Amino acid sequence: MIFTDQISHQFKLESTPMRIISLVPSQTELLYELGYPTITEKQISALKPDIIFLSSEPYPFKEEHIKELQIISPNSKIILVNGEYFSWYGSRLQQAVDYFIGLMDKIP
């Protein structure tokens, strides 16, 4: 399967993905319509993710959500990220490289 993301980046998957985490409501709805299940708190806990990104776009995750997820997945590094750089394209991409470089400093 070949997929194209919002900035025309193409990637190939050899098989249907079985483990997807989506915390963006609009994307979760799309995945659900495609037949992918939504993720539960129990599943997040079982996956033991190293990092969880919480985006400001299109759903504005806040500090309270970090606290909730920290209870579910206490060993995960949970980072609030500027969703404009993850889901918007165009003129914002000019600043995106610097943003992502700074973001990498937050990742252990």
PDB file of N, CA and C in Angstrom:
ATOM      1  N   MET A   1       0.839  -1.170   0.000  1.00  0.00           N
ATOM      2  CA  MET A   1       0.000   0.000   0.000  1.00  0.00           C
ATOM      3  C   MET A   1       0.890   1.240   0.000  1.00  0.00           C
ATOM      4  N   ILE A   2       0.567   2.185  -0.833  1.00  0.00           N
ATOM      5  CA  ILE A   2       1.291   3.450  -0.864  1.00  0.00           C
ATOM      6  C   ILE A   2       0.335   4.538  -0.398  1.00  0.00           C
ATOM      7  N   PHE A   3       0.784   5.331   0.558  1.00  0.00           N
ATOM      8  CA  PHE A   3      -0.013   6.408   1.118  1.00  0.00           C
ATOM      9  C   PHE A   3       0.666   7.734   0.828  1.00  0.00           C
ATOM     10  N   THR A   4      -0.133   8.770   0.708  1.00  0.00           N
ATOM     11  CA  THR A   4       0.383  10.124   0.535  1.00  0.00           C
ATOM     12  C   THR A   4      -0.183  10.984   1.653  1.00  0.00           C
ATOM     13  N   ASP A   5       0.712  11.663   2.391  1.00  0.00           N
ATOM     14  CA  ASP A   5       0.244  12.493   3.499  1.00  0.00           C
ATOM     15  C   ASP A   5      -0.136  13.881   3.006  1.00  0.00           C
ATOM     16  N   GLN A   6      -0.439  14.780   3.950  1.00  0.00           N
ATOM     17  CA  GLN A   6      -0.948  16.110   3.615  1.00  0.00           C
ATOM     18  C   GLN A   6       0.072  16.993   2.921  1.00  0.00           C
ATOM     19  N   ILE A   7       1.344  16.654   3.014  1.00  0.00           N
ATOM     20  CA  ILE A   7       2.365  17.459   2.338  1.00  0.00           C
ATOM     21  C   ILE A   7       2.971  16.685   1.171  1.00  0.00           C
ATOM     22  N   SER A   8       2.201  15.757   0.638  1.00  0.00           N
ATOM     23  CA  SER A   8       2.564  14.970  -0.543  1.00  0.00           C
ATOM     24  C   SER A   8       3.750  14.036  -0.337  1.00  0.00           C
ATOM     25  N   HIS A   9       4.073  13.724   0.911  1.00  0.00           N
ATOM     26  CA  HIS A   9       5.111  12.740   1.201  1.00  0.00           C
ATOM     27  C   HIS A   9       4.484  11.359   1.036  1.00  0.00           C
ATOM     28  N   GLN A  10       5.100  10.520   0.227  1.00  0.00           N
ATOM     29  CA  GLN A  10       4.575   9.177   0.011  1.00  0.00           C
ATOM     30  C   GLN A  10       5.370   8.165   0.825  1.00  0.00           C
ATOM     31  N   PHE A  11       4.680   7.199   1.357  1.00  0.00           N
ATOM     32  CA  PHE A  11       5.352   6.119   2.054  1.00  0.00           C
ATOM     33  C   PHE A  11       4.616   4.819   1.761  1.00  0.00           C
ATOM     34  N   LYS A  12       5.370   3.749   1.807  1.00  0.00           N
ATOM     35  CA  LYS A  12       4.838   2.437   1.454  1.00  0.00           C
ATOM     36  C   LYS A  12       4.786   1.555   2.687  1.00  0.00           C
ATOM     37  N   LEU A  13       3.690   0.863   2.842  1.00  0.00           N
ATOM     38  CA  LEU A  13       3.542  -0.122   3.905  1.00  0.00           C
ATOM     39  C   LEU A  13       3.416  -1.492   3.257  1.00  0.00           C
ATOM     40  N   GLU A  14       4.195  -2.426   3.758  1.00  0.00           N
ATOM     41  CA  GLU A  14       4.176  -3.774   3.198  1.00  0.00           C
ATOM     42  C   GLU A  14       2.904  -4.528   3.570  1.00  0.00           C
ATOM     43  N   SER A  15       2.301  -4.142   4.692  1.00  0.00           N
ATOM     44  CA  SER A  15       1.071  -4.794   5.119  1.00  0.00           C
ATOM     45  C   SER A  15       0.191  -3.773   5.838  1.00  0.00           C
ATOM     46  N   THR A  16      -1.031  -4.166   6.102  1.00  0.00           N
ATOM     47  CA  THR A  16      -1.955  -3.287   6.799  1.00  0.00           C
ATOM     48  C   THR A  16      -1.458  -3.024   8.209  1.00  0.00           C
ATOM     49  N   PRO A  17      -1.345  -1.744   8.607  1.00  0.00           N
ATOM     50  CA  PRO A  17      -0.881  -1.457   9.970  1.00  0.00           C
ATOM     51  C   PRO A  17      -1.866  -2.003  11.002  1.00  0.00           C
ATOM     52  N   MET A  18      -1.320  -2.591  12.040  1.00  0.00           N
ATOM     53  CA  MET A  18      -2.154  -3.170  13.088  1.00  0.00           C
ATOM     54  C   MET A  18      -2.134  -2.336  14.358  1.00  0.00           C
ATOM     55  N   ARG A  19      -1.121  -1.464  14.526  1.00  0.00           N
ATOM     56  CA  ARG A  19      -1.032  -0.653  15.731  1.00  0.00           C
ATOM     57  C   ARG A  19      -0.871   0.807  15.323  1.00  0.00           C
ATOM     58  N   ILE A  20      -1.943   1.564  15.478  1.00  0.00           N
ATOM     59  CA  ILE A  20      -1.938   2.990  15.164  1.00  0.00           C
ATOM     60  C   ILE A  20      -2.480   3.721  16.375  1.00  0.00           C
ATOM     61  N   ILE A  21      -1.797   4.773  16.771  1.00  0.00           N
ATOM     62  CA  ILE A  21      -2.314   5.633  17.829  1.00  0.00           C
ATOM     63  C   ILE A  21      -2.685   6.956  17.189  1.00  0.00           C
ATOM     64  N   SER A  22      -3.918   7.360  17.343  1.00  0.00           N
ATOM     65  CA  SER A  22      -4.383   8.634  16.825  1.00  0.00           C
ATOM     66  C   SER A  22      -5.084   9.382  17.951  1.00  0.00           C
ATOM     67  N   LEU A  23      -4.560  10.555  18.258  1.00  0.00           N
ATOM     68  CA  LEU A  23      -5.176  11.377  19.291  1.00  0.00           C
ATOM     69  C   LEU A  23      -5.752  12.659  18.704  1.00  0.00           C
ATOM     70  N   VAL A  24      -5.939  12.665  17.402  1.00  0.00           N
ATOM     71  CA  VAL A  24      -6.525  13.806  16.723  1.00  0.00           C
ATOM     72  C   VAL A  24      -7.922  13.376  16.280  1.00  0.00           C
ATOM     73  N   PRO A  25      -8.957  13.971  16.860  1.00  0.00           N
ATOM     74  CA  PRO A  25     -10.316  13.493  16.588  1.00  0.00           C
ATOM     75  C   PRO A  25     -10.676  13.344  15.117  1.00  0.00           C
ATOM     76  N   SER A  26     -10.325  14.323  14.297  1.00  0.00           N
ATOM     77  CA  SER A  26     -10.699  14.227  12.884  1.00  0.00           C
ATOM     78  C   SER A  26     -10.001  13.054  12.204  1.00  0.00           C
ATOM     79  N   GLN A  27      -8.750  12.802  12.564  1.00  0.00           N
ATOM     80  CA  GLN A  27      -8.031  11.677  11.974  1.00  0.00           C
ATOM     81  C   GLN A  27      -8.543  10.355  12.527  1.00  0.00           C
ATOM     82  N   THR A  28      -8.913  10.348  13.801  1.00  0.00           N
ATOM     83  CA  THR A  28      -9.462   9.138  14.410  1.00  0.00           C
ATOM     84  C   THR A  28     -10.755   8.739  13.711  1.00  0.00           C
ATOM     85  N   GLU A  29     -11.599   9.736  13.399  1.00  0.00           N
ATOM     86  CA  GLU A  29     -12.845   9.449  12.692  1.00  0.00           C
ATOM     87  C   GLU A  29     -12.562   8.832  11.329  1.00  0.00           C
ATOM     88  N   LEU A  30     -11.581   9.381  10.625  1.00  0.00           N
ATOM     89  CA  LEU A  30     -11.225   8.845   9.316  1.00  0.00           C
ATOM     90  C   LEU A  30     -10.718   7.412   9.437  1.00  0.00           C
ATOM     91  N   LEU A  31      -9.834   7.170  10.398  1.00  0.00           N
ATOM     92  CA  LEU A  31      -9.319   5.817  10.601  1.00  0.00           C
ATOM     93  C   LEU A  31     -10.445   4.850  10.946  1.00  0.00           C
ATOM     94  N   TYR A  32     -11.385   5.302  11.780  1.00  0.00           N
ATOM     95  CA  TYR A  32     -12.508   4.452  12.167  1.00  0.00           C
ATOM     96  C   TYR A  32     -13.335   4.086  10.937  1.00  0.00           C
ATOM     97  N   GLU A  33     -13.584   5.084  10.067  1.00  0.00           N
ATOM     98  CA  GLU A  33     -14.351   4.824   8.850  1.00  0.00           C
ATOM     99  C   GLU A  33     -13.627   3.843   7.933  1.00  0.00           C
ATOM    100  N   LEU A  34     -12.299   3.851   7.984  1.00  0.00           N
ATOM    101  CA  LEU A  34     -11.518   2.929   7.166  1.00  0.00           C
ATOM    102  C   LEU A  34     -11.457   1.533   7.784  1.00  0.00           C
ATOM    103  N   GLY A  35     -12.022   1.403   8.968  1.00  0.00           N
ATOM    104  CA  GLY A  35     -12.047   0.097   9.605  1.00  0.00           C
ATOM    105  C   GLY A  35     -11.030  -0.075  10.711  1.00  0.00           C
ATOM    106  N   TYR A  36     -10.298   0.990  11.042  1.00  0.00           N
ATOM    107  CA  TYR A  36      -9.343   0.898  12.131  1.00  0.00           C
ATOM    108  C   TYR A  36     -10.051   1.215  13.441  1.00  0.00           C
ATOM    109  N   PRO A  37      -9.777   0.450  14.466  1.00  0.00           N
ATOM    110  CA  PRO A  37     -10.432   0.703  15.752  1.00  0.00           C
ATOM    111  C   PRO A  37      -9.857   1.936  16.439  1.00  0.00           C
ATOM    112  N   THR A  38     -10.642   2.499  17.324  1.00  0.00           N
ATOM    113  CA  THR A  38     -10.136   3.582  18.159  1.00  0.00           C
ATOM    114  C   THR A  38      -9.325   2.959  19.287  1.00  0.00           C
ATOM    115  N   ILE A  39      -8.538   3.766  19.941  1.00  0.00           N
ATOM    116  CA  ILE A  39      -7.676   3.241  21.001  1.00  0.00           C
ATOM    117  C   ILE A  39      -8.261   3.585  22.366  1.00  0.00           C
ATOM    118  N   THR A  40      -8.172   2.638  23.247  1.00  0.00           N
ATOM    119  CA  THR A  40      -8.683   2.833  24.598  1.00  0.00           C
ATOM    120  C   THR A  40      -7.531   3.159  25.547  1.00  0.00           C
ATOM    121  N   GLU A  41      -7.877   3.617  26.723  1.00  0.00           N
ATOM    122  CA  GLU A  41      -6.856   3.894  27.740  1.00  0.00           C
ATOM    123  C   GLU A  41      -6.071   2.626  28.072  1.00  0.00           C
ATOM    124  N   LYS A  42      -6.771   1.528  28.158  1.00  0.00           N
ATOM    125  CA  LYS A  42      -6.119   0.247  28.464  1.00  0.00           C
ATOM    126  C   LYS A  42      -5.108  -0.123  27.375  1.00  0.00           C
ATOM    127  N   GLN A  43      -5.464   0.132  26.123  1.00  0.00           N
ATOM    128  CA  GLN A  43      -4.558  -0.183  25.020  1.00  0.00           C
ATOM    129  C   GLN A  43      -3.329   0.726  25.035  1.00  0.00           C
ATOM    130  N   ILE A  44      -3.523   2.011  25.322  1.00  0.00           N
ATOM    131  CA  ILE A  44      -2.387   2.923  25.425  1.00  0.00           C
ATOM    132  C   ILE A  44      -1.439   2.425  26.505  1.00  0.00           C
ATOM    133  N   SER A  45      -1.991   2.049  27.629  1.00  0.00           N
ATOM    134  CA  SER A  45      -1.183   1.550  28.739  1.00  0.00           C
ATOM    135  C   SER A  45      -0.408   0.298  28.327  1.00  0.00           C
ATOM    136  N   ALA A  46      -1.072  -0.603  27.636  1.00  0.00           N
ATOM    137  CA  ALA A  46      -0.434  -1.857  27.225  1.00  0.00           C
ATOM    138  C   ALA A  46       0.663  -1.640  26.186  1.00  0.00           C
ATOM    139  N   LEU A  47       0.504  -0.636  25.331  1.00  0.00           N
ATOM    140  CA  LEU A  47       1.505  -0.360  24.296  1.00  0.00           C
ATOM    141  C   LEU A  47       2.784   0.239  24.873  1.00  0.00           C
ATOM    142  N   LYS A  48       2.678   0.847  26.050  1.00  0.00           N
ATOM    143  CA  LYS A  48       3.832   1.453  26.720  1.00  0.00           C
ATOM    144  C   LYS A  48       4.649   2.338  25.774  1.00  0.00           C
ATOM    145  N   PRO A  49       3.993   3.349  25.173  1.00  0.00           N
ATOM    146  CA  PRO A  49       4.731   4.202  24.240  1.00  0.00           C
ATOM    147  C   PRO A  49       5.822   4.998  24.950  1.00  0.00           C
ATOM    148  N   ASP A  50       6.937   5.182  24.267  1.00  0.00           N
ATOM    149  CA  ASP A  50       8.019   6.001  24.821  1.00  0.00           C
ATOM    150  C   ASP A  50       7.652   7.470  24.796  1.00  0.00           C
ATOM    151  N   ILE A  51       7.008   7.894  23.708  1.00  0.00           N
ATOM    152  CA  ILE A  51       6.653   9.300  23.522  1.00  0.00           C
ATOM    153  C   ILE A  51       5.218   9.383  23.032  1.00  0.00           C
ATOM    154  N   ILE A  52       4.491  10.364  23.540  1.00  0.00           N
ATOM    155  CA  ILE A  52       3.150  10.665  23.051  1.00  0.00           C
ATOM    156  C   ILE A  52       3.127  12.156  22.719  1.00  0.00           C
ATOM    157  N   PHE A  53       2.803  12.492  21.475  1.00  0.00           N
ATOM    158  CA  PHE A  53       2.650  13.882  21.079  1.00  0.00           C
ATOM    159  C   PHE A  53       1.175  14.256  21.184  1.00  0.00           C
ATOM    160  N   LEU A  54       0.882  15.355  21.853  1.00  0.00           N
ATOM    161  CA  LEU A  54      -0.472  15.884  21.921  1.00  0.00           C
ATOM    162  C   LEU A  54      -0.483  17.192  21.136  1.00  0.00           C
ATOM    163  N   SER A  55      -1.281  17.238  20.118  1.00  0.00           N
ATOM    164  CA  SER A  55      -1.277  18.355  19.188  1.00  0.00           C
ATOM    165  C   SER A  55      -2.256  19.457  19.596  1.00  0.00           C
ATOM    166  N   SER A  56      -1.909  20.685  19.251  1.00  0.00           N
ATOM    167  CA  SER A  56      -2.795  21.817  19.501  1.00  0.00           C
ATOM    168  C   SER A  56      -3.835  21.976  18.391  1.00  0.00           C
ATOM    169  N   GLU A  57      -3.673  21.255  17.314  1.00  0.00           N
ATOM    170  CA  GLU A  57      -4.575  21.340  16.169  1.00  0.00           C
ATOM    171  C   GLU A  57      -4.974  19.941  15.728  1.00  0.00           C
ATOM    172  N   PRO A  58      -6.142  19.650  15.340  1.00  0.00           N
ATOM    173  CA  PRO A  58      -7.301  20.524  15.433  1.00  0.00           C
ATOM    174  C   PRO A  58      -7.951  20.492  16.821  1.00  0.00           C
ATOM    175  N   TYR A  59      -7.530  19.540  17.667  1.00  0.00           N
ATOM    176  CA  TYR A  59      -8.059  19.489  19.032  1.00  0.00           C
ATOM    177  C   TYR A  59      -7.022  20.086  19.973  1.00  0.00           C
ATOM    178  N   PRO A  60      -7.397  21.083  20.751  1.00  0.00           N
ATOM    179  CA  PRO A  60      -6.411  21.764  21.601  1.00  0.00           C
ATOM    180  C   PRO A  60      -6.116  21.023  22.909  1.00  0.00           C
ATOM    181  N   PHE A  61      -5.218  20.045  22.838  1.00  0.00           N
ATOM    182  CA  PHE A  61      -4.812  19.350  24.057  1.00  0.00           C
ATOM    183  C   PHE A  61      -4.132  20.348  24.995  1.00  0.00           C
ATOM    184  N   LYS A  62      -4.307  20.147  26.286  1.00  0.00           N
ATOM    185  CA  LYS A  62      -3.786  21.061  27.307  1.00  0.00           C
ATOM    186  C   LYS A  62      -3.041  20.266  28.381  1.00  0.00           C
ATOM    187  N   GLU A  63      -2.530  20.983  29.376  1.00  0.00           N
ATOM    188  CA  GLU A  63      -1.801  20.360  30.489  1.00  0.00           C
ATOM    189  C   GLU A  63      -2.644  19.292  31.190  1.00  0.00           C
ATOM    190  N   GLU A  64      -3.937  19.523  31.299  1.00  0.00           N
ATOM    191  CA  GLU A  64      -4.808  18.553  31.974  1.00  0.00           C
ATOM    192  C   GLU A  64      -4.777  17.192  31.269  1.00  0.00           C
ATOM    193  N   HIS A  65      -4.626  17.207  29.941  1.00  0.00           N
ATOM    194  CA  HIS A  65      -4.566  15.955  29.190  1.00  0.00           C
ATOM    195  C   HIS A  65      -3.246  15.228  29.430  1.00  0.00           C
ATOM    196  N   ILE A  66      -2.182  15.992  29.626  1.00  0.00           N
ATOM    197  CA  ILE A  66      -0.898  15.379  29.973  1.00  0.00           C
ATOM    198  C   ILE A  66      -1.045  14.628  31.294  1.00  0.00           C
ATOM    199  N   LYS A  67      -1.676  15.266  32.269  1.00  0.00           N
ATOM    200  CA  LYS A  67      -1.859  14.633  33.578  1.00  0.00           C
ATOM    201  C   LYS A  67      -2.681  13.352  33.464  1.00  0.00           C
ATOM    202  N   GLU A  68      -3.732  13.390  32.646  1.00  0.00           N
ATOM    203  CA  GLU A  68      -4.570  12.204  32.456  1.00  0.00           C
ATOM    204  C   GLU A  68      -3.780  11.066  31.806  1.00  0.00           C
ATOM    205  N   LEU A  69      -3.010  11.406  30.769  1.00  0.00           N
ATOM    206  CA  LEU A  69      -2.235  10.371  30.080  1.00  0.00           C
ATOM    207  C   LEU A  69      -1.076   9.868  30.929  1.00  0.00           C
ATOM    208  N   GLN A  70      -0.543  10.721  31.790  1.00  0.00           N
ATOM    209  CA  GLN A  70       0.564  10.295  32.645  1.00  0.00           C
ATOM    210  C   GLN A  70       0.107   9.209  33.614  1.00  0.00           C
ATOM    211  N   ILE A  71      -1.144   9.267  34.021  1.00  0.00           N
ATOM    212  CA  ILE A  71      -1.711   8.218  34.878  1.00  0.00           C
ATOM    213  C   ILE A  71      -1.842   6.916  34.087  1.00  0.00           C
ATOM    214  N   ILE A  72      -2.282   7.025  32.839  1.00  0.00           N
ATOM    215  CA  ILE A  72      -2.488   5.853  31.983  1.00  0.00           C
ATOM    216  C   ILE A  72      -1.162   5.239  31.552  1.00  0.00           C
ATOM    217  N   SER A  73      -0.198   6.096  31.249  1.00  0.00           N
ATOM    218  CA  SER A  73       1.093   5.645  30.721  1.00  0.00           C
ATOM    219  C   SER A  73       2.217   6.385  31.442  1.00  0.00           C
ATOM    220  N   PRO A  74       2.499   6.003  32.687  1.00  0.00           N
ATOM    221  CA  PRO A  74       3.402   6.774  33.539  1.00  0.00           C
ATOM    222  C   PRO A  74       4.849   6.883  33.061  1.00  0.00           C
ATOM    223  N   ASN A  75       5.304   5.981  32.229  1.00  0.00           N
ATOM    224  CA  ASN A  75       6.690   6.037  31.767  1.00  0.00           C
ATOM    225  C   ASN A  75       6.856   6.740  30.425  1.00  0.00           C
ATOM    226  N   SER A  76       5.752   7.226  29.867  1.00  0.00           N
ATOM    227  CA  SER A  76       5.811   7.904  28.571  1.00  0.00           C
ATOM    228  C   SER A  76       6.198   9.361  28.742  1.00  0.00           C
ATOM    229  N   LYS A  77       6.980   9.854  27.811  1.00  0.00           N
ATOM    230  CA  LYS A  77       7.272  11.281  27.716  1.00  0.00           C
ATOM    231  C   LYS A  77       6.128  11.874  26.902  1.00  0.00           C
ATOM    232  N   ILE A  78       5.374  12.787  27.502  1.00  0.00           N
ATOM    233  CA  ILE A  78       4.207  13.359  26.837  1.00  0.00           C
ATOM    234  C   ILE A  78       4.506  14.826  26.545  1.00  0.00           C
ATOM    235  N   ILE A  79       4.396  15.180  25.269  1.00  0.00           N
ATOM    236  CA  ILE A  79       4.802  16.502  24.832  1.00  0.00           C
ATOM    237  C   ILE A  79       3.653  17.181  24.090  1.00  0.00           C
ATOM    238  N   LEU A  80       3.318  18.400  24.528  1.00  0.00           N
ATOM    239  CA  LEU A  80       2.369  19.218  23.781  1.00  0.00           C
ATOM    240  C   LEU A  80       3.110  19.794  22.580  1.00  0.00           C
ATOM    241  N   VAL A  81       2.551  19.620  21.391  1.00  0.00           N
ATOM    242  CA  VAL A  81       3.213  20.117  20.187  1.00  0.00           C
ATOM    243  C   VAL A  81       2.298  21.078  19.438  1.00  0.00           C
ATOM    244  N   ASN A  82       2.917  21.956  18.684  1.00  0.00           N
ATOM    245  CA  ASN A  82       2.186  22.906  17.860  1.00  0.00           C
ATOM    246  C   ASN A  82       1.638  22.174  16.648  1.00  0.00           C
ATOM    247  N   GLY A  83       0.352  21.940  16.641  1.00  0.00           N
ATOM    248  CA  GLY A  83      -0.282  21.171  15.587  1.00  0.00           C
ATOM    249  C   GLY A  83      -0.217  21.813  14.220  1.00  0.00           C
ATOM    250  N   GLU A  84       0.003  23.120  14.181  1.00  0.00           N
ATOM    251  CA  GLU A  84       0.108  23.780  12.882  1.00  0.00           C
ATOM    252  C   GLU A  84       1.278  23.221  12.085  1.00  0.00           C
ATOM    253  N   TYR A  85       2.347  22.850  12.769  1.00  0.00           N
ATOM    254  CA  TYR A  85       3.510  22.305  12.069  1.00  0.00           C
ATOM    255  C   TYR A  85       3.314  20.848  11.680  1.00  0.00           C
ATOM    256  N   PHE A  86       2.389  20.160  12.346  1.00  0.00           N
ATOM    257  CA  PHE A  86       2.140  18.762  12.035  1.00  0.00           C
ATOM    258  C   PHE A  86       1.054  18.584  10.981  1.00  0.00           C
ATOM    259  N   SER A  87       0.103  19.500  10.921  1.00  0.00           N
ATOM    260  CA  SER A  87      -1.038  19.258  10.046  1.00  0.00           C
ATOM    261  C   SER A  87      -1.326  20.369   9.046  1.00  0.00           C
ATOM    262  N   TRP A  88      -0.656  21.491   9.138  1.00  0.00           N
ATOM    263  CA  TRP A  88      -0.847  22.555   8.162  1.00  0.00           C
ATOM    264  C   TRP A  88       0.329  22.541   7.214  1.00  0.00           C
ATOM    265  N   TYR A  89       0.133  23.039   6.060  1.00  0.00           N
ATOM    266  CA  TYR A  89       1.237  23.160   5.111  1.00  0.00           C
ATOM    267  C   TYR A  89       1.189  24.548   4.478  1.00  0.00           C
ATOM    268  N   GLY A  90       2.164  24.853   3.705  1.00  0.00           N
ATOM    269  CA  GLY A  90       2.238  26.180   3.094  1.00  0.00           C
ATOM    270  C   GLY A  90       3.271  27.023   3.808  1.00  0.00           C
ATOM    271  N   SER A  91       2.928  28.266   4.081  1.00  0.00           N
ATOM    272  CA  SER A  91       3.899  29.216   4.633  1.00  0.00           C
ATOM    273  C   SER A  91       4.435  28.796   6.001  1.00  0.00           C
ATOM    274  N   ARG A  92       3.687  28.031   6.773  1.00  0.00           N
ATOM    275  CA  ARG A  92       4.155  27.610   8.087  1.00  0.00           C
ATOM    276  C   ARG A  92       5.359  26.652   7.987  1.00  0.00           C
ATOM    277  N   LEU A  93       5.500  26.005   6.855  1.00  0.00           N
ATOM    278  CA  LEU A  93       6.612  25.074   6.690  1.00  0.00           C
ATOM    279  C   LEU A  93       7.959  25.785   6.747  1.00  0.00           C
ATOM    280  N   GLN A  94       7.968  27.077   6.478  1.00  0.00           N
ATOM    281  CA  GLN A  94       9.229  27.815   6.541  1.00  0.00           C
ATOM    282  C   GLN A  94       9.797  27.811   7.958  1.00  0.00           C
ATOM    283  N   GLN A  95       8.953  27.832   8.961  1.00  0.00           N
ATOM    284  CA  GLN A  95       9.407  27.808  10.348  1.00  0.00           C
ATOM    285  C   GLN A  95       9.435  26.396  10.926  1.00  0.00           C
ATOM    286  N   ALA A  96       8.876  25.431  10.218  1.00  0.00           N
ATOM    287  CA  ALA A  96       8.725  24.078  10.755  1.00  0.00           C
ATOM    288  C   ALA A  96      10.061  23.406  11.062  1.00  0.00           C
ATOM    289  N   VAL A  97      11.057  23.605  10.228  1.00  0.00           N
ATOM    290  CA  VAL A  97      12.344  22.939  10.456  1.00  0.00           C
ATOM    291  C   VAL A  97      12.921  23.352  11.800  1.00  0.00           C
ATOM    292  N   ASP A  98      12.946  24.645  12.085  1.00  0.00           N
ATOM    293  CA  ASP A  98      13.453  25.117  13.371  1.00  0.00           C
ATOM    294  C   ASP A  98      12.616  24.581  14.526  1.00  0.00           C
ATOM    295  N   TYR A  99      11.300  24.519  14.326  1.00  0.00           N
ATOM    296  CA  TYR A  99      10.420  23.999  15.377  1.00  0.00           C
ATOM    297  C   TYR A  99      10.746  22.537  15.670  1.00  0.00           C
ATOM    298  N   PHE A 100      10.881  21.720  14.620  1.00  0.00           N
ATOM    299  CA  PHE A 100      11.153  20.298  14.817  1.00  0.00           C
ATOM    300  C   PHE A 100      12.536  20.067  15.419  1.00  0.00           C
ATOM    301  N   ILE A 101      13.511  20.889  15.063  1.00  0.00           N
ATOM    302  CA  ILE A 101      14.833  20.771  15.680  1.00  0.00           C
ATOM    303  C   ILE A 101      14.722  21.038  17.178  1.00  0.00           C
ATOM    304  N   GLY A 102      13.986  22.080  17.550  1.00  0.00           N
ATOM    305  CA  GLY A 102      13.765  22.370  18.971  1.00  0.00           C
ATOM    306  C   GLY A 102      13.007  21.266  19.684  1.00  0.00           C
ATOM    307  N   LEU A 103      12.053  20.681  18.986  1.00  0.00           N
ATOM    308  CA  LEU A 103      11.258  19.592  19.545  1.00  0.00           C
ATOM    309  C   LEU A 103      12.134  18.372  19.824  1.00  0.00           C
ATOM    310  N   MET A 104      13.094  18.106  18.968  1.00  0.00           N
ATOM    311  CA  MET A 104      13.984  16.964  19.162  1.00  0.00           C
ATOM    312  C   MET A 104      14.789  17.101  20.461  1.00  0.00           C
ATOM    313  N   ASP A 105      15.047  18.329  20.881  1.00  0.00           N
ATOM    314  CA  ASP A 105      15.764  18.547  22.138  1.00  0.00           C
ATOM    315  C   ASP A 105      14.947  18.107  23.342  1.00  0.00           C
ATOM    316  N   LYS A 106      13.628  18.037  23.190  1.00  0.00           N
ATOM    317  CA  LYS A 106      12.756  17.637  24.291  1.00  0.00           C
ATOM    318  C   LYS A 106      12.619  16.123  24.407  1.00  0.00           C
ATOM    319  N   ILE A 107      13.050  15.421  23.365  1.00  0.00           N
ATOM    320  CA  ILE A 107      12.918  13.970  23.338  1.00  0.00           C
ATOM    321  C   ILE A 107      14.183  13.349  23.911  1.00  0.00           C
ATOM    322  N   PRO A 108      14.010  12.462  24.910  1.00  0.00           N
ATOM    323  CA  PRO A 108      15.202  11.856  25.546  1.00  0.00           C
ATOM    324  C   PRO A 108      16.010  10.997  24.603  1.00  0.00           C
TER     325      PRO A 108
END
